[in-house]
């Protein structure tokens, strides 16, 4: 059985929303979920919010709002990897 990820919201206005993903699959440890920018640099770690849900609020690892644009959520549970786009609107 593979890791499956459902997208509940992947587009939001900066400072007024969040991206939320639901994760299902054969994982038995905490998932690693990172948010990457267009240059493949880690911006932040997404936070679990319970029952297989992961969120990102549009802030970097220092708590600052990011610039509007396209970011990528990467969810890893070896040997599974999933990634998808997040659009942060101005």
Protein backbone atom coordinates (compact mmCIF):
# COMPACT_ATOMS: atom_id res chain seq x y z
CA UNK A 1 0.00 0.00 0.00
CA UNK A 2 1.44 3.37 -1.01
CA UNK A 3 1.37 6.67 0.82
CA UNK A 4 -1.61 8.71 -0.36
CA UNK A 5 -2.08 12.41 0.18
CA UNK A 6 -5.32 14.33 -0.19
CA UNK A 7 -5.28 18.04 -0.79
CA UNK A 8 -7.83 19.90 1.30
CA UNK A 9 -6.54 23.37 0.43
CA UNK A 10 -3.45 24.32 -1.51
CA UNK A 11 -4.16 27.95 -2.34
CA UNK A 12 -4.60 30.79 0.10
CA UNK A 13 -4.17 34.52 0.55
CA UNK A 14 -1.01 35.55 2.38
CA UNK A 15 -1.74 36.05 6.07
CA UNK A 16 -5.32 34.75 5.75
CA UNK A 17 -5.30 31.00 5.41
CA UNK A 18 -3.26 27.86 5.26
CA UNK A 19 -2.53 24.83 3.11
CA UNK A 20 -3.89 21.57 4.52
CA UNK A 21 -3.08 18.03 3.38
CA UNK A 22 -4.42 14.70 4.66
CA UNK A 23 -2.02 11.77 4.68
CA UNK A 24 -2.97 8.09 4.62
CA UNK A 25 -0.79 5.05 4.26
CA UNK A 26 1.47 2.54 5.94
CA UNK A 27 3.50 4.92 8.06
CA UNK A 28 4.34 4.20 11.66
CA UNK A 29 6.58 7.15 12.49
CA UNK A 30 6.17 10.89 12.31
CA UNK A 31 6.13 12.09 8.72
CA UNK A 32 8.63 14.64 7.55
CA UNK A 33 6.81 17.42 5.75
CA UNK A 34 8.79 20.35 4.37
CA UNK A 35 7.83 23.42 2.38
CA UNK A 36 10.27 24.31 -0.39
CA UNK A 37 10.58 27.44 -2.51
CA UNK A 38 11.01 27.53 -6.30
CA UNK A 39 14.80 27.21 -5.85
CA UNK A 40 14.31 23.95 -3.87
CA UNK A 41 15.34 25.56 -0.57
CA UNK A 42 13.54 24.54 2.61
CA UNK A 43 11.35 27.41 3.80
CA UNK A 44 9.63 25.72 6.75
CA UNK A 45 8.48 22.44 8.18
CA UNK A 46 4.76 21.81 7.88
CA UNK A 47 3.03 21.05 11.17
CA UNK A 48 0.85 18.03 11.98
CA UNK A 49 -2.56 19.03 13.33
CA UNK A 50 -3.88 15.57 14.16
CA UNK A 51 -5.57 12.61 12.48
CA UNK A 52 -3.21 12.52 9.49
CA UNK A 53 -3.56 16.25 8.72
CA UNK A 54 -0.59 18.49 7.96
CA UNK A 55 -0.77 22.28 7.61
CA UNK A 56 1.40 25.22 6.59
CA UNK A 57 0.38 28.78 7.38
CA UNK A 58 2.56 30.68 4.90
CA UNK A 59 5.34 31.48 7.38
CA UNK A 60 9.01 30.59 7.14
CA UNK A 61 10.96 28.79 9.87
CA UNK A 62 11.55 32.16 11.59
CA UNK A 63 7.82 32.92 11.74
CA UNK A 64 7.89 35.57 8.99
CA UNK A 65 5.28 35.63 6.22
CA UNK A 66 6.75 34.40 2.94
CA UNK A 67 6.46 36.27 -0.35
CA UNK A 68 3.50 35.43 -2.58
CA UNK A 69 4.27 32.73 -5.13
CA UNK A 70 4.40 28.99 -5.69
CA UNK A 71 5.83 26.72 -3.00
CA UNK A 72 6.07 22.95 -2.79
CA UNK A 73 5.03 20.63 0.01
CA UNK A 74 7.21 17.53 0.22
CA UNK A 75 6.01 14.72 2.48
CA UNK A 76 8.43 11.89 3.15
CA UNK A 77 8.00 8.53 4.85
CA UNK A 78 10.66 6.18 3.51
CA UNK A 79 10.32 4.68 0.97
CA UNK A 80 7.43 6.96 0.00
CA UNK A 81 7.67 10.54 -1.25
CA UNK A 82 4.87 12.89 -2.26
CA UNK A 83 5.12 16.49 -3.39
CA UNK A 84 2.59 19.04 -4.55
CA UNK A 85 2.29 22.76 -5.25
CA UNK A 86 0.97 25.44 -2.92
CA UNK A 87 -0.02 28.85 -4.26
CA UNK A 88 0.32 31.78 -1.86
CA UNK A 89 -1.61 34.77 -3.19
CA UNK A 90 -0.91 38.41 -2.30
